[in-house]
Amino acid sequence: MKIVRMNALQNNGSGKIAAYFDIQTNEEIIIKGFRIVNGANGLFISAPDEKGKDGKYYENVIVPKDLKAKLEKMAIDGYKTQISQINTD
């Protein structure tokens, strides 16, 4: 699994979404629409979701806990690298 696109947002503290990213599985399937969210306890990832008829949001991609932890570390590390490059340019 690898991250094939990472778009960090430069919102300067306004809004909770810090970045959008897409992943590619080992089988070369690309899943678009993951987000890095800046929550009360720090950064975390959120899977693509869709609003249901009841007004609630439901995840389209269910990621097992162990894989989600690995993906979260990979995404947040990539995000921090991208942000540090933006800040040095």
C-alpha atoms as a PDB file:
ATOM      1  CA  MET A   1       0.000   0.000   0.000  1.00  0.00           C
ATOM      2  CA  LYS A   2       1.216   3.488  -0.818  1.00  0.00           C
ATOM      3  CA  ILE A   3      -0.034   7.054  -0.942  1.00  0.00           C
ATOM      4  CA  VAL A   4      -0.330   8.207  -4.552  1.00  0.00           C
ATOM      5  CA  ARG A   5      -1.572  11.768  -3.941  1.00  0.00           C
ATOM      6  CA  MET A   6      -1.345  14.126  -0.967  1.00  0.00           C
ATOM      7  CA  ASN A   7      -2.847  17.616  -1.077  1.00  0.00           C
ATOM      8  CA  ALA A   8      -2.136  19.576   2.083  1.00  0.00           C
ATOM      9  CA  LEU A   9      -4.456  22.505   2.692  1.00  0.00           C
ATOM     10  CA  GLN A  10      -3.011  25.790   3.836  1.00  0.00           C
ATOM     11  CA  ASN A  11      -6.005  26.949   5.854  1.00  0.00           C
ATOM     12  CA  ASN A  12      -4.036  28.570   8.698  1.00  0.00           C
ATOM     13  CA  GLY A  13      -6.207  27.122  11.426  1.00  0.00           C
ATOM     14  CA  SER A  14      -9.602  27.627   9.781  1.00  0.00           C
ATOM     15  CA  GLY A  15     -11.275  24.272   9.214  1.00  0.00           C
ATOM     16  CA  LYS A  16     -10.511  20.824  10.506  1.00  0.00           C
ATOM     17  CA  ILE A  17      -9.383  19.123   7.279  1.00  0.00           C
ATOM     18  CA  ALA A  18      -5.601  19.367   6.967  1.00  0.00           C
ATOM     19  CA  ALA A  19      -5.157  17.339   3.756  1.00  0.00           C
ATOM     20  CA  TYR A  20      -6.737  15.006   1.231  1.00  0.00           C
ATOM     21  CA  PHE A  21      -4.964  11.883   0.014  1.00  0.00           C
ATOM     22  CA  ASP A  22      -5.482   8.806  -2.150  1.00  0.00           C
ATOM     23  CA  ILE A  23      -4.003   5.359  -1.604  1.00  0.00           C
ATOM     24  CA  GLN A  24      -3.058   2.522  -3.903  1.00  0.00           C
ATOM     25  CA  THR A  25      -3.304  -1.037  -2.628  1.00  0.00           C
ATOM     26  CA  ASN A  26      -0.759  -3.736  -3.406  1.00  0.00           C
ATOM     27  CA  GLU A  27      -3.265  -4.988  -6.008  1.00  0.00           C
ATOM     28  CA  GLU A  28      -3.020  -1.530  -7.685  1.00  0.00           C
ATOM     29  CA  ILE A  29      -6.551  -0.454  -6.717  1.00  0.00           C
ATOM     30  CA  ILE A  30      -6.702   3.292  -6.067  1.00  0.00           C
ATOM     31  CA  ILE A  31      -9.053   4.526  -3.334  1.00  0.00           C
ATOM     32  CA  LYS A  32      -9.682   8.267  -3.423  1.00  0.00           C
ATOM     33  CA  GLY A  33     -10.969  10.668  -0.832  1.00  0.00           C
ATOM     34  CA  PHE A  34      -9.157   9.935   2.430  1.00  0.00           C
ATOM     35  CA  ARG A  35      -8.667  12.960   4.679  1.00  0.00           C
ATOM     36  CA  ILE A  36      -6.277  13.996   7.420  1.00  0.00           C
ATOM     37  CA  VAL A  37      -8.286  15.773  10.088  1.00  0.00           C
ATOM     38  CA  ASN A  38      -6.970  18.078  12.798  1.00  0.00           C
ATOM     39  CA  GLY A  39      -9.013  16.999  15.826  1.00  0.00           C
ATOM     40  CA  ALA A  40      -8.983  17.911  19.506  1.00  0.00           C
ATOM     41  CA  ASN A  41      -6.389  15.178  20.191  1.00  0.00           C
ATOM     42  CA  GLY A  42      -4.209  15.836  17.134  1.00  0.00           C
ATOM     43  CA  LEU A  43      -4.144  14.553  13.574  1.00  0.00           C
ATOM     44  CA  PHE A  44      -6.038  11.448  12.468  1.00  0.00           C
ATOM     45  CA  ILE A  45      -7.282   9.991   9.183  1.00  0.00           C
ATOM     46  CA  SER A  46     -10.839   9.705   7.984  1.00  0.00           C
ATOM     47  CA  ALA A  47     -11.997   7.318   5.259  1.00  0.00           C
ATOM     48  CA  PRO A  48     -14.135   8.470   2.329  1.00  0.00           C
ATOM     49  CA  ASP A  49     -17.755   8.819   3.388  1.00  0.00           C
ATOM     50  CA  GLU A  50     -21.179   9.566   2.002  1.00  0.00           C
ATOM     51  CA  LYS A  51     -24.244  11.245   3.451  1.00  0.00           C
ATOM     52  CA  GLY A  52     -27.142   8.839   3.951  1.00  0.00           C
ATOM     53  CA  LYS A  53     -30.853   9.546   3.593  1.00  0.00           C
ATOM     54  CA  ASP A  54     -31.009  10.035   7.358  1.00  0.00           C
ATOM     55  CA  GLY A  55     -28.512  12.939   7.198  1.00  0.00           C
ATOM     56  CA  LYS A  56     -25.695  10.969   8.867  1.00  0.00           C
ATOM     57  CA  TYR A  57     -22.360  10.237   7.210  1.00  0.00           C
ATOM     58  CA  TYR A  58     -21.272   6.645   6.552  1.00  0.00           C
ATOM     59  CA  GLU A  59     -17.780   5.476   5.565  1.00  0.00           C
ATOM     60  CA  ASN A  60     -17.527   3.971   2.066  1.00  0.00           C
ATOM     61  CA  VAL A  61     -14.291   2.138   2.858  1.00  0.00           C
ATOM     62  CA  ILE A  62     -13.963   0.022   5.988  1.00  0.00           C
ATOM     63  CA  VAL A  63     -10.315  -0.253   7.042  1.00  0.00           C
ATOM     64  CA  PRO A  64      -9.317  -2.861   9.685  1.00  0.00           C
ATOM     65  CA  LYS A  65      -7.783  -1.386  12.867  1.00  0.00           C
ATOM     66  CA  ASP A  66      -4.229  -2.650  12.321  1.00  0.00           C
ATOM     67  CA  LEU A  67      -4.183  -1.481   8.705  1.00  0.00           C
ATOM     68  CA  LYS A  68      -5.735   1.858   9.666  1.00  0.00           C
ATOM     69  CA  ALA A  69      -2.978   2.472  12.240  1.00  0.00           C
ATOM     70  CA  LYS A  70      -0.314   1.738   9.611  1.00  0.00           C
ATOM     71  CA  LEU A  71      -2.059   3.958   7.040  1.00  0.00           C
ATOM     72  CA  GLU A  72      -2.511   6.747   9.591  1.00  0.00           C
ATOM     73  CA  LYS A  73       1.198   6.793  10.435  1.00  0.00           C
ATOM     74  CA  MET A  74       2.170   6.740   6.752  1.00  0.00           C
ATOM     75  CA  ALA A  75      -0.273   9.553   5.870  1.00  0.00           C
ATOM     76  CA  ILE A  76       0.573  11.824   8.790  1.00  0.00           C
ATOM     77  CA  ASP A  77       4.320  11.388   8.208  1.00  0.00           C
ATOM     78  CA  GLY A  78       3.813  12.245   4.512  1.00  0.00           C
ATOM     79  CA  TYR A  79       1.683  15.244   5.436  1.00  0.00           C
ATOM     80  CA  LYS A  80       4.283  16.584   7.869  1.00  0.00           C
ATOM     81  CA  THR A  81       7.012  16.152   5.245  1.00  0.00           C
ATOM     82  CA  GLN A  82       4.939  18.023   2.669  1.00  0.00           C
ATOM     83  CA  ILE A  83       4.134  20.844   5.108  1.00  0.00           C
ATOM     84  CA  SER A  84       7.800  21.242   6.085  1.00  0.00           C
ATOM     85  CA  GLN A  85       8.757  21.480   2.383  1.00  0.00           C
ATOM     86  CA  ILE A  86       6.064  24.115   1.790  1.00  0.00           C
ATOM     87  CA  ASN A  87       7.265  26.144   4.764  1.00  0.00           C
ATOM     88  CA  THR A  88      10.898  26.113   3.600  1.00  0.00           C
ATOM     89  CA  ASP A  89      10.091  27.244   0.039  1.00  0.00           C
END
